[in-house]
Amino acid sequence: MKNIIINLPKEAKDKHIENKKYFDKLKKKIPKNLDYLMQDLHNAEFKKTDCLKCANCCKTTGPLFTDADIERVSKYLRQKPQQFIDQYLRIDEDKDYVLQSVPCTFLDNDNACMIYDVRPKACREFPHTDRKKFQQITGLTLVNVTICPAAFNIVEEMKKKLPL
């Protein structure tokens, strides 16, 4: 897994133009079965992918925290929301709450999440490859394939199953 993570940014960069052209075509003529296909590809990939062996998303990027996430996590940590914000979060250039630093503060030495049951929505949904109306998040997907080996594999499989 370590080699895959090390090589992923280069592989994703090599495929970036191809993927961008593919997604541009996809948005022009959206297949009727796209959401079903993406759900199937996502499920198949995550049957064979163990995120605990990777955790590259947690090591390299930080999630956006919604107000609901802040409420839920702070309650779990037995803190007031403002205490949680002051201790762990900052406001980014888009005026969103994000972690003060990466790797994620809540990632333990075994790549497990210490707040897994109450983790932010962004973490629960990552890499977003099973989201409805997938064509709306192709820009995000281009970023996620550089971070997540599963997302990379899903996009490669998508191009085989749905040639445009």
Protein backbone atom coordinates (compact mmCIF):
# COMPACT_ATOMS: atom_id res chain seq x y z
CA MET A 1 0.00 0.00 0.00
CA LYS A 2 2.87 2.38 0.80
CA ASN A 3 4.17 2.19 -2.80
CA ILE A 4 0.69 2.81 -4.17
CA ILE A 5 0.33 5.95 -2.05
CA ILE A 6 3.81 7.18 -3.02
CA ASN A 7 3.12 6.68 -6.75
CA LEU A 8 -0.47 7.94 -6.68
CA PRO A 9 0.19 11.68 -7.22
CA LYS A 10 2.31 10.97 -10.32
CA GLU A 11 -0.16 8.44 -11.72
CA ALA A 12 -3.04 10.84 -11.13
CA LYS A 13 -1.10 13.68 -12.75
CA ASP A 14 -0.35 11.48 -15.77
CA LYS A 15 -4.09 10.75 -16.11
CA HIS A 16 -5.30 14.28 -15.28
CA ILE A 17 -5.81 15.55 -18.85
CA GLU A 18 -7.44 12.28 -19.92
CA ASN A 19 -9.74 12.34 -16.88
CA LYS A 20 -10.65 15.99 -17.33
CA LYS A 21 -11.58 15.41 -21.00
CA TYR A 22 -13.57 12.34 -19.99
CA PHE A 23 -15.48 14.25 -17.30
CA ASP A 24 -16.13 17.16 -19.68
CA LYS A 25 -17.73 14.70 -22.15
CA LEU A 26 -19.65 13.06 -19.32
CA LYS A 27 -21.20 16.38 -18.29
CA LYS A 28 -22.30 17.10 -21.87
CA LYS A 29 -24.18 13.83 -22.19
CA ILE A 30 -24.99 12.34 -18.79
CA PRO A 31 -25.80 8.63 -19.00
CA LYS A 32 -29.15 7.70 -17.46
CA ASN A 33 -27.59 4.96 -15.35
CA LEU A 34 -24.62 7.01 -14.06
CA ASP A 35 -25.65 7.03 -10.40
CA TYR A 36 -26.27 3.27 -10.42
CA LEU A 37 -22.97 2.60 -12.16
CA MET A 38 -21.06 4.77 -9.70
CA GLN A 39 -22.72 3.05 -6.73
CA ASP A 40 -21.75 -0.36 -8.16
CA LEU A 41 -18.16 0.71 -8.87
CA HIS A 42 -17.86 2.28 -5.42
CA ASN A 43 -19.22 -0.82 -3.68
CA ALA A 44 -16.98 -3.18 -5.68
CA GLU A 45 -13.87 -1.13 -4.94
CA PHE A 46 -14.55 -0.81 -1.24
CA LYS A 47 -15.12 -4.57 -0.92
CA LYS A 48 -11.42 -4.96 -1.70
CA THR A 49 -10.03 -1.72 -0.24
CA ASP A 50 -9.14 -1.43 3.43
CA CYS A 51 -8.99 2.25 4.32
CA LEU A 52 -7.14 1.42 7.55
CA LYS A 53 -4.16 0.28 5.49
CA CYS A 54 -4.03 3.68 3.78
CA ALA A 55 -5.63 6.64 5.59
CA ASN A 56 -3.95 8.95 3.08
CA CYS A 57 -7.00 11.22 3.15
CA CYS A 58 -6.55 11.72 6.90
CA LYS A 59 -2.81 12.19 6.55
CA THR A 60 -2.86 14.73 3.74
CA THR A 61 -6.14 16.65 3.81
CA GLY A 62 -8.53 17.96 6.38
CA PRO A 63 -12.30 17.81 6.20
CA LEU A 64 -14.65 20.74 6.27
CA PHE A 65 -16.60 20.87 9.53
CA THR A 66 -20.25 21.94 9.33
CA ASP A 67 -22.04 23.45 12.32
CA ALA A 68 -23.73 20.07 12.84
CA ASP A 69 -20.32 18.33 12.79
CA ILE A 70 -18.96 20.78 15.37
CA GLU A 71 -21.97 20.22 17.63
CA ARG A 72 -21.74 16.43 17.35
CA VAL A 73 -17.97 16.11 17.79
CA SER A 74 -17.72 18.64 20.60
CA LYS A 75 -20.51 16.86 22.47
CA TYR A 76 -18.69 13.54 22.01
CA LEU A 77 -15.48 15.12 23.35
CA ARG A 78 -17.45 16.71 26.21
CA GLN A 79 -16.51 20.21 25.16
CA LYS A 80 -18.47 23.30 24.36
CA PRO A 81 -18.54 23.94 20.61
CA GLN A 82 -16.40 27.08 20.97
CA GLN A 83 -13.78 25.14 22.98
CA PHE A 84 -13.65 22.55 20.19
CA ILE A 85 -13.30 25.27 17.54
CA ASP A 86 -10.55 27.04 19.48
CA GLN A 87 -8.61 23.83 20.12
CA TYR A 88 -8.86 22.07 16.74
CA LEU A 89 -10.21 24.28 13.96
CA ARG A 90 -9.43 27.34 11.89
CA ILE A 91 -11.37 29.23 9.22
CA ASP A 92 -10.00 28.71 5.69
CA GLU A 93 -10.01 31.01 2.66
CA ASP A 94 -13.57 29.89 1.80
CA LYS A 95 -14.74 30.85 5.31
CA ASP A 96 -15.22 27.18 6.26
CA TYR A 97 -14.10 25.49 9.45
CA VAL A 98 -11.22 23.07 8.82
CA LEU A 99 -8.59 21.39 10.98
CA GLN A 100 -5.73 23.58 12.14
CA SER A 101 -3.25 21.06 10.75
CA VAL A 102 -2.80 17.73 9.01
CA PRO A 103 -2.45 14.85 9.53
CA CYS A 104 -5.80 14.78 11.26
CA THR A 105 -5.57 15.25 15.02
CA PHE A 106 -7.99 12.38 15.48
CA LEU A 107 -6.00 9.80 13.48
CA ASP A 108 -4.33 7.25 15.75
CA ASN A 109 -1.15 5.21 15.11
CA ASP A 110 -3.17 2.34 13.61
CA ASN A 111 -4.81 4.66 11.04
CA ALA A 112 -8.07 4.48 12.95
CA CYS A 113 -10.24 7.49 13.65
CA MET A 114 -10.63 8.30 17.34
CA ILE A 115 -13.97 10.02 16.63
CA TYR A 116 -15.16 7.56 13.97
CA ASP A 117 -18.75 7.29 15.23
CA VAL A 118 -19.19 11.07 15.15
CA ARG A 119 -16.75 12.00 12.37
CA PRO A 120 -17.59 14.90 10.05
CA LYS A 121 -19.93 14.38 7.12
CA ALA A 122 -17.03 15.07 4.73
CA CYS A 123 -15.13 12.11 6.21
CA ARG A 124 -18.15 9.80 6.13
CA GLU A 125 -18.77 10.53 2.45
CA PHE A 126 -15.15 10.57 1.23
CA PRO A 127 -14.15 9.96 -1.58
CA HIS A 128 -17.69 10.87 -2.74
CA THR A 129 -17.62 8.35 -5.60
CA ASP A 130 -21.07 7.05 -4.69
CA ARG A 131 -22.76 10.44 -4.53
CA LYS A 132 -25.93 11.02 -6.53
CA LYS A 133 -25.48 13.32 -9.53
CA PHE A 134 -21.81 12.37 -9.65
CA GLN A 135 -21.34 14.57 -12.73
CA GLN A 136 -21.67 17.61 -10.45
CA ILE A 137 -18.53 16.76 -8.46
CA THR A 138 -16.08 15.80 -11.19
CA GLY A 139 -13.79 18.69 -10.18
CA LEU A 140 -13.65 17.32 -6.64
CA THR A 141 -13.06 13.83 -8.03
CA LEU A 142 -10.04 15.07 -10.02
CA VAL A 143 -8.55 16.17 -6.70
CA ASN A 144 -9.58 13.04 -4.80
CA VAL A 145 -7.91 10.64 -7.28
CA THR A 146 -4.59 12.24 -6.27
CA ILE A 147 -5.28 11.38 -2.60
CA CYS A 148 -7.30 8.16 -2.57
CA PRO A 149 -6.19 4.99 -4.37
CA ALA A 150 -9.79 3.72 -4.29
CA ALA A 151 -11.06 6.86 -6.04
CA PHE A 152 -8.31 6.49 -8.64
CA ASN A 153 -9.32 2.86 -9.27
CA ILE A 154 -13.02 3.75 -9.44
CA VAL A 155 -12.40 6.40 -12.11
CA GLU A 156 -10.21 4.02 -14.13
CA GLU A 157 -12.93 1.35 -13.95
CA MET A 158 -15.58 3.93 -14.80
CA LYS A 159 -13.76 4.80 -18.03
CA LYS A 160 -13.72 1.11 -18.99
CA LYS A 161 -17.37 0.46 -18.15
CA LEU A 162 -18.65 3.72 -19.59
CA PRO A 163 -16.55 4.66 -22.63
CA LEU A 164 -17.49 8.07 -23.99
